[in-house]
Amino acid sequence: MPEVSYPIWKGIPAVKNNNVYSYHNNASWHYTGTIASSQMLDDVLESIVK
């Protein structure tokens, strides 16, 4: 997770409990379309199953 110094960010329960996942800004699913949507789901599932 990237380091964010905003107090409001640090107060979010998911952030406090380390339940936030970040992806590189070059991730292919930042584009739109069926393949990008499928890639986004794959990346999210991979992150939460770890």
PDB file of N, CA and C in Angstrom:
ATOM      1  N   MET A   1       0.843  -1.171   0.000  1.00  0.00           N
ATOM      2  CA  MET A   1       0.000   0.000   0.000  1.00  0.00           C
ATOM      3  C   MET A   1       0.890   1.237   0.000  1.00  0.00           C
ATOM      4  N   PRO A   2       0.563   2.206  -0.837  1.00  0.00           N
ATOM      5  CA  PRO A   2       1.381   3.422  -0.858  1.00  0.00           C
ATOM      6  C   PRO A   2       1.219   4.209   0.435  1.00  0.00           C
ATOM      7  N   GLU A   3       2.257   4.887   0.817  1.00  0.00           N
ATOM      8  CA  GLU A   3       2.205   5.711   2.025  1.00  0.00           C
ATOM      9  C   GLU A   3       1.473   7.000   1.699  1.00  0.00           C
ATOM     10  N   VAL A   4       0.375   7.227   2.376  1.00  0.00           N
ATOM     11  CA  VAL A   4      -0.416   8.445   2.202  1.00  0.00           C
ATOM     12  C   VAL A   4      -0.462   9.138   3.551  1.00  0.00           C
ATOM     13  N   SER A   5      -0.148  10.416   3.578  1.00  0.00           N
ATOM     14  CA  SER A   5      -0.024  11.114   4.853  1.00  0.00           C
ATOM     15  C   SER A   5      -1.279  11.872   5.272  1.00  0.00           C
ATOM     16  N   TYR A   6      -2.347  11.807   4.493  1.00  0.00           N
ATOM     17  CA  TYR A   6      -3.561  12.515   4.861  1.00  0.00           C
ATOM     18  C   TYR A   6      -4.205  11.872   6.085  1.00  0.00           C
ATOM     19  N   PRO A   7      -4.494  12.655   7.126  1.00  0.00           N
ATOM     20  CA  PRO A   7      -5.104  12.094   8.335  1.00  0.00           C
ATOM     21  C   PRO A   7      -6.424  11.370   8.062  1.00  0.00           C
ATOM     22  N   ILE A   8      -7.214  11.896   7.146  1.00  0.00           N
ATOM     23  CA  ILE A   8      -8.498  11.249   6.870  1.00  0.00           C
ATOM     24  C   ILE A   8      -8.288   9.850   6.275  1.00  0.00           C
ATOM     25  N   TRP A   9      -7.252   9.698   5.463  1.00  0.00           N
ATOM     26  CA  TRP A   9      -6.928   8.397   4.869  1.00  0.00           C
ATOM     27  C   TRP A   9      -6.560   7.398   5.965  1.00  0.00           C
ATOM     28  N   LYS A  10      -5.718   7.831   6.883  1.00  0.00           N
ATOM     29  CA  LYS A  10      -5.273   6.946   7.954  1.00  0.00           C
ATOM     30  C   LYS A  10      -6.403   6.587   8.923  1.00  0.00           C
ATOM     31  N   GLY A  11      -7.501   7.351   8.908  1.00  0.00           N
ATOM     32  CA  GLY A  11      -8.630   7.075   9.780  1.00  0.00           C
ATOM     33  C   GLY A  11      -9.636   6.089   9.208  1.00  0.00           C
ATOM     34  N   ILE A  12      -9.481   5.710   7.955  1.00  0.00           N
ATOM     35  CA  ILE A  12     -10.408   4.772   7.323  1.00  0.00           C
ATOM     36  C   ILE A  12     -10.152   3.377   7.899  1.00  0.00           C
ATOM     37  N   PRO A  13     -11.207   2.686   8.369  1.00  0.00           N
ATOM     38  CA  PRO A  13     -11.020   1.362   8.984  1.00  0.00           C
ATOM     39  C   PRO A  13     -10.257   0.363   8.107  1.00  0.00           C
ATOM     40  N   ALA A  14     -10.515   0.337   6.825  1.00  0.00           N
ATOM     41  CA  ALA A  14      -9.799  -0.598   5.953  1.00  0.00           C
ATOM     42  C   ALA A  14      -8.309  -0.305   5.933  1.00  0.00           C
ATOM     43  N   VAL A  15      -7.938   0.964   5.982  1.00  0.00           N
ATOM     44  CA  VAL A  15      -6.527   1.344   6.007  1.00  0.00           C
ATOM     45  C   VAL A  15      -5.907   0.945   7.343  1.00  0.00           C
ATOM     46  N   LYS A  16      -6.611   1.223   8.432  1.00  0.00           N
ATOM     47  CA  LYS A  16      -6.116   0.863   9.760  1.00  0.00           C
ATOM     48  C   LYS A  16      -5.876  -0.638   9.890  1.00  0.00           C
ATOM     49  N   ASN A  17      -6.732  -1.424   9.244  1.00  0.00           N
ATOM     50  CA  ASN A  17      -6.643  -2.889   9.339  1.00  0.00           C
ATOM     51  C   ASN A  17      -5.835  -3.510   8.206  1.00  0.00           C
ATOM     52  N   ASN A  18      -5.144  -2.676   7.434  1.00  0.00           N
ATOM     53  CA  ASN A  18      -4.309  -3.135   6.320  1.00  0.00           C
ATOM     54  C   ASN A  18      -5.101  -3.964   5.308  1.00  0.00           C
ATOM     55  N   ASN A  19      -6.307  -3.510   4.999  1.00  0.00           N
ATOM     56  CA  ASN A  19      -7.160  -4.181   4.016  1.00  0.00           C
ATOM     57  C   ASN A  19      -7.315  -3.355   2.749  1.00  0.00           C
ATOM     58  N   VAL A  20      -6.256  -2.683   2.348  1.00  0.00           N
ATOM     59  CA  VAL A  20      -6.258  -1.878   1.138  1.00  0.00           C
ATOM     60  C   VAL A  20      -5.206  -2.440   0.201  1.00  0.00           C
ATOM     61  N   TYR A  21      -5.565  -2.586  -1.041  1.00  0.00           N
ATOM     62  CA  TYR A  21      -4.655  -3.135  -2.035  1.00  0.00           C
ATOM     63  C   TYR A  21      -4.408  -2.087  -3.105  1.00  0.00           C
ATOM     64  N   SER A  22      -3.180  -1.958  -3.526  1.00  0.00           N
ATOM     65  CA  SER A  22      -2.881  -0.997  -4.584  1.00  0.00           C
ATOM     66  C   SER A  22      -2.297  -1.746  -5.772  1.00  0.00           C
ATOM     67  N   TYR A  23      -2.474  -1.171  -6.916  1.00  0.00           N
ATOM     68  CA  TYR A  23      -1.995  -1.753  -8.166  1.00  0.00           C
ATOM     69  C   TYR A  23      -1.182  -0.707  -8.900  1.00  0.00           C
ATOM     70  N   HIS A  24      -0.187  -1.173  -9.606  1.00  0.00           N
ATOM     71  CA  HIS A  24       0.677  -0.280 -10.375  1.00  0.00           C
ATOM     72  C   HIS A  24      -0.165   0.480 -11.387  1.00  0.00           C
ATOM     73  N   ASN A  25       0.146   1.732 -11.601  1.00  0.00           N
ATOM     74  CA  ASN A  25      -0.663   2.540 -12.515  1.00  0.00           C
ATOM     75  C   ASN A  25      -0.535   2.113 -13.973  1.00  0.00           C
ATOM     76  N   ASN A  26       0.352   1.180 -14.264  1.00  0.00           N
ATOM     77  CA  ASN A  26       0.460   0.644 -15.620  1.00  0.00           C
ATOM     78  C   ASN A  26      -0.360  -0.624 -15.792  1.00  0.00           C
ATOM     79  N   ALA A  27      -1.133  -1.006 -14.780  1.00  0.00           N
ATOM     80  CA  ALA A  27      -1.936  -2.226 -14.865  1.00  0.00           C
ATOM     81  C   ALA A  27      -2.852  -2.152 -16.086  1.00  0.00           C
ATOM     82  N   SER A  28      -2.923  -3.239 -16.801  1.00  0.00           N
ATOM     83  CA  SER A  28      -3.666  -3.251 -18.061  1.00  0.00           C
ATOM     84  C   SER A  28      -5.149  -2.967 -17.870  1.00  0.00           C
ATOM     85  N   TRP A  29      -5.678  -3.239 -16.688  1.00  0.00           N
ATOM     86  CA  TRP A  29      -7.117  -3.062 -16.505  1.00  0.00           C
ATOM     87  C   TRP A  29      -7.509  -1.612 -16.247  1.00  0.00           C
ATOM     88  N   HIS A  30      -6.556  -0.690 -16.283  1.00  0.00           N
ATOM     89  CA  HIS A  30      -6.909   0.725 -16.173  1.00  0.00           C
ATOM     90  C   HIS A  30      -7.596   1.205 -17.446  1.00  0.00           C
ATOM     91  N   TYR A  31      -7.565   0.388 -18.461  1.00  0.00           N
ATOM     92  CA  TYR A  31      -8.253   0.708 -19.708  1.00  0.00           C
ATOM     93  C   TYR A  31      -9.658   0.125 -19.627  1.00  0.00           C
ATOM     94  N   THR A  32     -10.518   0.441 -20.550  1.00  0.00           N
ATOM     95  CA  THR A  32     -11.883  -0.067 -20.522  1.00  0.00           C
ATOM     96  C   THR A  32     -12.061  -1.198 -21.510  1.00  0.00           C
ATOM     97  N   GLY A  33     -13.085  -1.986 -21.286  1.00  0.00           N
ATOM     98  CA  GLY A  33     -13.404  -3.066 -22.199  1.00  0.00           C
ATOM     99  C   GLY A  33     -13.534  -4.386 -21.472  1.00  0.00           C
ATOM    100  N   THR A  34     -13.980  -5.374 -22.185  1.00  0.00           N
ATOM    101  CA  THR A  34     -14.242  -6.692 -21.616  1.00  0.00           C
ATOM    102  C   THR A  34     -12.982  -7.346 -21.085  1.00  0.00           C
ATOM    103  N   ILE A  35     -11.902  -7.309 -21.837  1.00  0.00           N
ATOM    104  CA  ILE A  35     -10.653  -7.936 -21.407  1.00  0.00           C
ATOM    105  C   ILE A  35     -10.095  -7.213 -20.191  1.00  0.00           C
ATOM    106  N   ALA A  36     -10.160  -5.896 -20.190  1.00  0.00           N
ATOM    107  CA  ALA A  36      -9.677  -5.122 -19.042  1.00  0.00           C
ATOM    108  C   ALA A  36     -10.500  -5.432 -17.799  1.00  0.00           C
ATOM    109  N   SER A  37     -11.795  -5.560 -17.943  1.00  0.00           N
ATOM    110  CA  SER A  37     -12.652  -5.889 -16.801  1.00  0.00           C
ATOM    111  C   SER A  37     -12.311  -7.264 -16.249  1.00  0.00           C
ATOM    112  N   SER A  38     -12.061  -8.202 -17.113  1.00  0.00           N
ATOM    113  CA  SER A  38     -11.682  -9.545 -16.688  1.00  0.00           C
ATOM    114  C   SER A  38     -10.349  -9.525 -15.952  1.00  0.00           C
ATOM    115  N   GLN A  39      -9.390  -8.760 -16.452  1.00  0.00           N
ATOM    116  CA  GLN A  39      -8.082  -8.646 -15.809  1.00  0.00           C
ATOM    117  C   GLN A  39      -8.219  -8.008 -14.434  1.00  0.00           C
ATOM    118  N   MET A  40      -9.083  -6.999 -14.316  1.00  0.00           N
ATOM    119  CA  MET A  40      -9.299  -6.348 -13.031  1.00  0.00           C
ATOM    120  C   MET A  40      -9.827  -7.356 -12.014  1.00  0.00           C
ATOM    121  N   LEU A  41     -10.790  -8.163 -12.388  1.00  0.00           N
ATOM    122  CA  LEU A  41     -11.331  -9.175 -11.479  1.00  0.00           C
ATOM    123  C   LEU A  41     -10.260 -10.185 -11.084  1.00  0.00           C
ATOM    124  N   ASP A  42      -9.458 -10.607 -12.035  1.00  0.00           N
ATOM    125  CA  ASP A  42      -8.363 -11.545 -11.726  1.00  0.00           C
ATOM    126  C   ASP A  42      -7.392 -10.935 -10.719  1.00  0.00           C
ATOM    127  N   ASP A  43      -7.012  -9.675 -10.921  1.00  0.00           N
ATOM    128  CA  ASP A  43      -6.073  -9.020 -10.018  1.00  0.00           C
ATOM    129  C   ASP A  43      -6.658  -8.869  -8.624  1.00  0.00           C
ATOM    130  N   VAL A  44      -7.916  -8.483  -8.526  1.00  0.00           N
ATOM    131  CA  VAL A  44      -8.554  -8.317  -7.222  1.00  0.00           C
ATOM    132  C   VAL A  44      -8.664  -9.655  -6.508  1.00  0.00           C
ATOM    133  N   LEU A  45      -9.107 -10.675  -7.192  1.00  0.00           N
ATOM    134  CA  LEU A  45      -9.212 -12.005  -6.573  1.00  0.00           C
ATOM    135  C   LEU A  45      -7.856 -12.506  -6.096  1.00  0.00           C
ATOM    136  N   GLU A  46      -6.833 -12.298  -6.886  1.00  0.00           N
ATOM    137  CA  GLU A  46      -5.487 -12.709  -6.496  1.00  0.00           C
ATOM    138  C   GLU A  46      -5.051 -11.987  -5.230  1.00  0.00           C
ATOM    139  N   SER A  47      -5.392 -10.716  -5.106  1.00  0.00           N
ATOM    140  CA  SER A  47      -5.005  -9.935  -3.936  1.00  0.00           C
ATOM    141  C   SER A  47      -5.711 -10.396  -2.668  1.00  0.00           C
ATOM    142  N   ILE A  48      -6.991 -10.695  -2.764  1.00  0.00           N
ATOM    143  CA  ILE A  48      -7.738 -11.018  -1.548  1.00  0.00           C
ATOM    144  C   ILE A  48      -7.598 -12.471  -1.141  1.00  0.00           C
ATOM    145  N   VAL A  49      -7.082 -13.321  -2.018  1.00  0.00           N
ATOM    146  CA  VAL A  49      -6.923 -14.741  -1.684  1.00  0.00           C
ATOM    147  C   VAL A  49      -5.570 -15.002  -1.021  1.00  0.00           C
ATOM    148  N   LYS A  50      -4.633 -14.078  -1.141  1.00  0.00           N
ATOM    149  CA  LYS A  50      -3.286 -14.251  -0.570  1.00  0.00           C
ATOM    150  C   LYS A  50      -3.326 -14.610   0.879  1.00  0.00           C
TER     151      LYS A  50
END
